Protein backbone atom coordinates (compact mmCIF):
# COMPACT_ATOMS: atom_id res chain seq x y z
CA UNK A 1 162.66 -67.55 39.53
CA UNK A 2 162.70 -64.49 41.73
CA UNK A 3 161.37 -61.72 39.51
CA UNK A 4 160.67 -58.77 41.77
CA UNK A 5 158.54 -56.47 39.60
CA UNK A 6 158.70 -53.86 36.85
CA UNK A 7 162.10 -52.17 37.06
CA UNK A 8 161.81 -49.91 34.00
CA UNK A 9 159.85 -49.27 30.84
CA UNK A 10 160.99 -47.67 27.61
CA UNK A 11 158.65 -45.86 25.24
CA UNK A 12 159.26 -44.96 21.62
CA UNK A 13 157.43 -41.66 21.11
CA UNK A 14 156.48 -39.25 18.35
CA UNK A 15 156.93 -36.02 20.32
CA UNK A 16 159.79 -35.96 22.81
CA UNK A 17 159.03 -32.45 24.08
CA UNK A 18 155.39 -33.24 24.79
CA UNK A 19 156.25 -36.51 26.55
CA UNK A 20 158.94 -34.88 28.70
CA UNK A 21 156.37 -32.35 29.89
CA UNK A 22 153.79 -35.04 30.59
CA UNK A 23 156.13 -37.21 32.66
CA UNK A 24 157.16 -34.18 34.72
CA UNK A 25 153.50 -33.30 35.29
CA UNK A 26 152.83 -36.93 36.23
CA UNK A 27 155.20 -36.42 39.15
CA UNK A 28 158.30 -38.34 38.09
CA UNK A 29 161.80 -37.11 38.87
CA UNK A 30 163.91 -36.26 35.83
CA UNK A 31 167.26 -38.07 35.97
CA UNK A 32 168.59 -36.83 32.65
CA UNK A 33 167.22 -35.50 29.39
CA UNK A 34 168.41 -34.65 25.89
CA UNK A 35 166.91 -34.22 22.45
CA UNK A 36 167.11 -37.97 21.82
CA UNK A 37 166.46 -39.58 25.22
CA UNK A 38 165.19 -38.94 28.72
CA UNK A 39 164.98 -40.94 31.95
CA UNK A 40 162.54 -40.33 34.81
CA UNK A 41 162.21 -42.11 38.17
CA UNK A 42 159.66 -42.89 40.85
CA UNK A 43 160.53 -42.58 44.54
CA UNK A 44 161.82 -46.19 44.66
CA UNK A 45 163.99 -45.76 41.56
CA UNK A 46 161.89 -47.60 38.98
CA UNK A 47 162.39 -45.84 35.66
CA UNK A 48 160.51 -44.52 32.67
CA UNK A 49 162.62 -43.92 29.58
CA UNK A 50 161.60 -42.22 26.36
CA UNK A 51 163.27 -42.20 22.94
CA UNK A 52 162.10 -41.14 19.48
CA UNK A 53 160.02 -43.78 17.71
CA UNK A 54 162.58 -44.12 14.95
CA UNK A 55 165.52 -44.79 17.26
CA UNK A 56 167.27 -47.85 15.82
CA UNK A 57 168.47 -48.96 19.26
CA UNK A 58 164.88 -49.70 20.36
CA UNK A 59 163.29 -53.12 19.98
CA UNK A 60 160.92 -53.34 17.04
CA UNK A 61 157.52 -51.79 17.80
CA UNK A 62 154.76 -54.33 18.52
CA UNK A 63 152.05 -51.73 17.82
CA UNK A 64 151.65 -48.59 15.72
CA UNK A 65 152.36 -45.07 16.98
CA UNK A 66 153.88 -44.06 20.29
CA UNK A 67 153.99 -47.09 22.56
CA UNK A 68 156.06 -49.07 25.02
CA UNK A 69 159.02 -50.74 23.33
CA UNK A 70 160.55 -52.61 26.25
CA UNK A 71 159.52 -53.71 29.74
CA UNK A 72 162.42 -54.43 32.09
CA UNK A 73 161.73 -56.88 34.91
CA UNK A 74 163.89 -56.75 38.03
CA UNK A 75 165.30 -59.92 39.56
CA UNK A 76 166.97 -60.63 42.88
CA UNK A 77 170.42 -61.77 41.75
CA UNK A 78 172.76 -62.74 38.91
CA UNK A 79 171.97 -66.36 39.72
CA UNK A 80 168.32 -65.66 38.91
CA UNK A 81 169.34 -64.03 35.62
CA UNK A 82 171.14 -67.23 34.71
CA UNK A 83 168.08 -69.33 35.58
CA UNK A 84 165.86 -67.10 33.44
CA UNK A 85 168.23 -67.39 30.50
CA UNK A 86 168.23 -71.18 30.74
CA UNK A 87 164.43 -71.30 31.01
CA UNK A 88 164.05 -69.13 27.90
CA UNK A 89 166.62 -71.09 25.92
CA UNK A 90 164.91 -74.41 26.79
CA UNK A 91 161.82 -72.99 25.06
CA UNK A 92 163.84 -71.92 22.03
CA UNK A 93 163.48 -68.20 22.79
CA UNK A 94 166.42 -66.20 21.35
CA UNK A 95 168.19 -64.27 24.13
CA UNK A 96 170.84 -61.56 23.96
CA UNK A 97 172.91 -60.27 26.85
CA UNK A 98 174.80 -57.03 27.37
CA UNK A 99 175.75 -54.82 30.32
CA UNK A 100 174.23 -57.28 32.79
CA UNK A 101 170.83 -57.34 31.07
CA UNK A 102 169.04 -60.19 29.28
CA UNK A 103 166.76 -59.30 26.36
CA UNK A 104 164.19 -61.23 24.34
CA UNK A 105 160.81 -60.83 22.64
CA UNK A 106 157.58 -62.07 24.23
CA UNK A 107 154.87 -63.94 22.26
CA UNK A 108 152.99 -60.71 21.49
CA UNK A 109 156.11 -59.15 19.94
CA UNK A 110 157.00 -56.88 22.86
CA UNK A 111 160.63 -56.42 23.84
CA UNK A 112 161.27 -57.51 27.42
CA UNK A 113 164.43 -57.56 29.49
CA UNK A 114 165.70 -58.71 32.89
CA UNK A 115 168.29 -57.16 35.20
CA UNK A 116 169.26 -57.31 38.84
CA UNK A 117 166.77 -54.84 40.25
CA UNK A 118 167.92 -51.27 40.75
CA UNK A 119 164.85 -50.33 42.77
CA UNK A 120 165.35 -49.38 46.40
CA UNK A 121 163.10 -49.82 49.40
CA UNK A 122 161.77 -46.48 50.53
CA UNK A 123 160.44 -45.56 53.94
CA UNK A 124 156.85 -44.53 53.45
CA UNK A 125 154.71 -43.54 56.40
CA UNK A 126 151.30 -45.06 55.93
CA UNK A 127 148.26 -42.84 55.72
CA UNK A 128 146.37 -42.61 58.98
CA UNK A 129 142.63 -43.16 58.75
CA UNK A 130 140.01 -42.89 61.44
CA UNK A 131 137.86 -45.98 60.95
CA UNK A 132 135.48 -47.64 63.38
CA UNK A 133 137.52 -49.38 66.06
CA UNK A 134 140.84 -47.82 65.01
CA UNK A 135 141.21 -44.06 65.49
CA UNK A 136 144.75 -43.64 64.21
CA UNK A 137 144.68 -39.92 63.41
CA UNK A 138 144.32 -37.96 66.63
CA UNK A 139 144.37 -34.17 66.88
CA UNK A 140 145.59 -33.76 63.32
CA UNK A 141 143.86 -33.19 59.97
CA UNK A 142 144.10 -35.65 57.10
CA UNK A 143 146.62 -35.19 54.31
CA UNK A 144 145.66 -33.29 51.17
CA UNK A 145 147.83 -33.42 48.03
CA UNK A 146 148.27 -30.71 45.41
CA UNK A 147 149.82 -33.30 43.03
CA UNK A 148 151.15 -36.86 43.01
CA UNK A 149 154.70 -38.20 43.45
CA UNK A 150 154.51 -41.87 42.39
CA UNK A 151 156.22 -44.30 44.73
CA UNK A 152 156.71 -47.17 42.29
CA UNK A 153 155.97 -48.55 38.85
CA UNK A 154 153.45 -51.18 39.84
CA UNK A 155 152.08 -53.01 36.83
CA UNK A 156 151.77 -53.19 33.06
CA UNK A 157 148.66 -54.17 31.12
CA UNK A 158 149.13 -55.60 27.62
CA UNK A 159 146.69 -56.37 24.84
CA UNK A 160 147.73 -59.72 23.39
CA UNK A 161 146.54 -61.56 20.26
CA UNK A 162 146.83 -65.04 21.83
CA UNK A 163 146.16 -65.25 25.56
CA UNK A 164 147.02 -68.93 25.81
CA UNK A 165 150.52 -68.41 24.39
CA UNK A 166 151.13 -65.28 26.45
CA UNK A 167 149.99 -66.95 29.67
CA UNK A 168 152.17 -70.00 29.03
CA UNK A 169 155.19 -67.78 28.46
CA UNK A 170 154.79 -65.68 31.60
CA UNK A 171 153.53 -68.43 33.90
CA UNK A 172 155.00 -71.61 32.46
CA UNK A 173 158.39 -70.24 31.41
CA UNK A 174 159.02 -67.22 33.64
CA UNK A 175 157.16 -68.43 36.73
CA UNK A 176 154.55 -65.71 37.26
CA UNK A 177 151.64 -66.61 39.57
CA UNK A 178 147.95 -66.47 38.74
CA UNK A 179 145.85 -64.14 40.91
CA UNK A 180 142.54 -63.98 39.04
CA UNK A 181 141.09 -64.63 35.61
CA UNK A 182 138.48 -63.46 33.14
CA UNK A 183 137.93 -66.93 31.63
CA UNK A 184 138.96 -66.92 27.99
CA UNK A 185 139.70 -63.20 28.04
CA UNK A 186 142.38 -62.16 30.53
CA UNK A 187 144.67 -63.12 33.40
CA UNK A 188 145.99 -61.14 36.36
CA UNK A 189 149.53 -62.26 37.21
CA UNK A 190 151.96 -61.44 40.01
CA UNK A 191 155.71 -62.00 40.05
CA UNK A 192 155.98 -63.81 43.37
CA UNK A 193 153.71 -65.96 45.56
CA UNK A 194 153.44 -63.10 48.05
CA UNK A 195 152.94 -59.62 46.69
CA UNK A 196 150.56 -57.13 45.12
CA UNK A 197 147.55 -58.62 43.34
CA UNK A 198 149.13 -58.18 39.91
CA UNK A 199 152.26 -56.89 38.24
CA UNK A 200 151.09 -57.94 34.79
CA UNK A 201 147.61 -58.10 33.27
CA UNK A 202 147.23 -59.84 29.90
CA UNK A 203 144.09 -59.03 27.96
CA UNK A 204 143.20 -60.85 24.75
CA UNK A 205 141.91 -58.56 22.01
CA UNK A 206 139.09 -59.65 19.68
CA UNK A 207 140.84 -58.11 16.66
CA UNK A 208 144.01 -60.11 17.30
CA UNK A 209 146.15 -56.97 17.59
CA UNK A 210 148.89 -56.56 20.18
CA UNK A 211 149.41 -53.28 22.01
CA UNK A 212 149.81 -51.42 25.25
CA UNK A 213 146.72 -50.96 27.37
CA UNK A 214 148.25 -49.04 30.27
CA UNK A 215 151.08 -48.65 32.76
CA UNK A 216 150.24 -48.09 36.44
CA UNK A 217 152.02 -46.18 39.20
CA UNK A 218 151.38 -46.70 42.90
CA UNK A 219 150.86 -43.64 45.10
CA UNK A 220 150.31 -43.30 48.85
CA UNK A 221 146.53 -43.33 49.06
CA UNK A 222 143.26 -42.34 47.44
CA UNK A 223 143.84 -38.72 48.47
CA UNK A 224 147.04 -38.61 46.42
CA UNK A 225 145.20 -40.18 43.48
CA UNK A 226 142.69 -37.33 43.60
CA UNK A 227 145.33 -34.64 44.10
CA UNK A 228 147.43 -36.06 41.27
CA UNK A 229 144.48 -36.42 38.93
CA UNK A 230 143.33 -32.85 39.53
CA UNK A 231 146.88 -31.56 38.95
CA UNK A 232 146.98 -33.45 35.66
CA UNK A 233 143.62 -31.91 34.73
CA UNK A 234 144.91 -28.41 35.52
CA UNK A 235 147.84 -29.01 33.17
CA UNK A 236 145.42 -29.79 30.34
CA UNK A 237 145.89 -33.56 30.07
CA UNK A 238 142.79 -35.66 29.39
CA UNK A 239 141.32 -38.11 31.89
CA UNK A 240 139.99 -41.37 30.46
CA UNK A 241 138.13 -42.45 33.61
CA UNK A 242 138.53 -41.87 37.32
CA UNK A 243 138.70 -41.61 40.15
CA UNK A 244 137.12 -44.97 40.82
CA UNK A 245 137.58 -48.32 42.50
CA UNK A 246 138.19 -51.80 41.06
CA UNK A 247 136.27 -54.76 42.56
CA UNK A 248 139.04 -57.07 41.31
CA UNK A 249 142.23 -56.03 43.22
CA UNK A 250 140.22 -53.54 45.35
CA UNK A 251 142.48 -50.69 44.17
CA UNK A 252 141.42 -47.08 43.75
CA UNK A 253 142.37 -45.67 40.33
CA UNK A 254 142.55 -42.70 37.97
CA UNK A 255 143.36 -43.27 34.26
CA UNK A 256 144.79 -40.59 31.97
CA UNK A 257 145.57 -40.54 28.25
CA UNK A 258 149.33 -40.79 27.86
CA UNK A 259 151.15 -39.15 24.91
CA UNK A 260 153.87 -41.79 25.34
CA UNK A 261 151.30 -44.46 24.41
CA UNK A 262 148.19 -46.10 25.83
CA UNK A 263 146.80 -45.00 29.17
CA UNK A 264 148.59 -44.32 32.45
CA UNK A 265 147.17 -44.94 35.92
CA UNK A 266 147.55 -43.75 39.48
CA UNK A 267 146.46 -46.46 41.94
CA UNK A 268 146.56 -47.30 45.65
CA UNK A 269 145.22 -49.74 48.26
CA UNK A 270 145.62 -52.82 46.07
CA UNK A 271 145.05 -56.32 47.48
CA UNK A 272 148.20 -57.99 48.86
CA UNK A 273 148.04 -61.76 48.52
CA UNK A 274 150.03 -64.87 49.44
CA UNK A 275 150.29 -68.46 48.23
CA UNK A 276 147.08 -69.12 50.18
CA UNK A 277 145.13 -66.89 47.77
CA UNK A 278 142.63 -68.79 45.64
CA UNK A 279 142.39 -67.45 42.06
CA UNK A 280 138.88 -66.50 41.03
CA UNK A 281 137.06 -66.74 37.72
CA UNK A 282 135.37 -63.40 37.18
CA UNK A 283 133.07 -62.26 34.42
CA UNK A 284 134.50 -59.56 32.18
CA UNK A 285 131.86 -56.89 32.85
CA UNK A 286 131.72 -53.17 33.46
CA UNK A 287 130.70 -53.91 37.05
CA UNK A 288 133.86 -55.96 37.60
CA UNK A 289 136.01 -53.22 36.12
CA UNK A 290 134.69 -50.51 38.43
CA UNK A 291 132.59 -50.69 41.57
CA UNK A 292 132.18 -46.94 41.01
CA UNK A 293 133.93 -44.39 38.79
CA UNK A 294 133.79 -40.78 37.66
CA UNK A 295 133.61 -40.72 33.87
CA UNK A 296 135.96 -38.06 32.50
CA UNK A 297 137.54 -37.13 35.81
CA UNK A 298 137.35 -34.15 38.16
CA UNK A 299 138.11 -30.64 36.97
CA UNK A 300 141.27 -29.43 38.69
CA UNK A 301 139.99 -25.89 39.08
CA UNK A 302 136.32 -26.29 39.98
CA UNK A 303 137.03 -29.49 41.96
CA UNK A 304 133.82 -30.90 40.54
CA UNK A 305 133.17 -33.54 37.88
CA UNK A 306 134.39 -32.39 34.49
CA UNK A 307 131.57 -31.91 32.02
């Protein structure tokens, strides 16, 4: 089944005004906004939607407080939508359909949906680096960013009460592919055999509670991560950790506390893998989370570590 990636996410939030301001500061383009809903987009058209927590049109919350209420996965065609529906129904999963979108509930209680992808390919000029043996930036300075403009909505990380059930659903039913694993604790999954290291990360929680860990947005490069993170700091939002670099996936990151729910991440330079990739079993340790990281972020004004 040709699932392409995260097409949209919808949050149910406690404070619409605060969340509208945050998403604008994050660098998303506002498509439309009202007292009861708002839609924002990345450069490729993937969407973030917010509605009040009590909105009856939202799927039931799978965790307390402001949190994600639905993840929409893009697919390549209507034929693929039909295949997904049949796969879900064979497993006894109740499915509804309206306006070209399939909806169901995953094993952790999260609302998920599928639609023919509305994301568009965007022409992005790659960052030029001068590395040994490849001097690609000649007679020009490097790029510096005063803020971030996310290119795409790259991945979602969910806390799940039963990893075995969640992995079976996404791999066995929906056809996601395993990239790497924390044995007994977590799996990194990608939508297609060839693609970014992961579009979905499932993390089993010791307390058996489901919830949102974070949502991640891809930007051009590490310089945009830093520029975006410092802009967020100047606006008064709190960094959780970053900048830093993951050993698993190789991506650079910066995590921020998100009033919409959970954390939110800028990332870049993630591993791109094919069917030849051999999944690894990795210990769930601090060293495997971050090769290096700045705890608490960089102050946007002093341009030094925040203390």
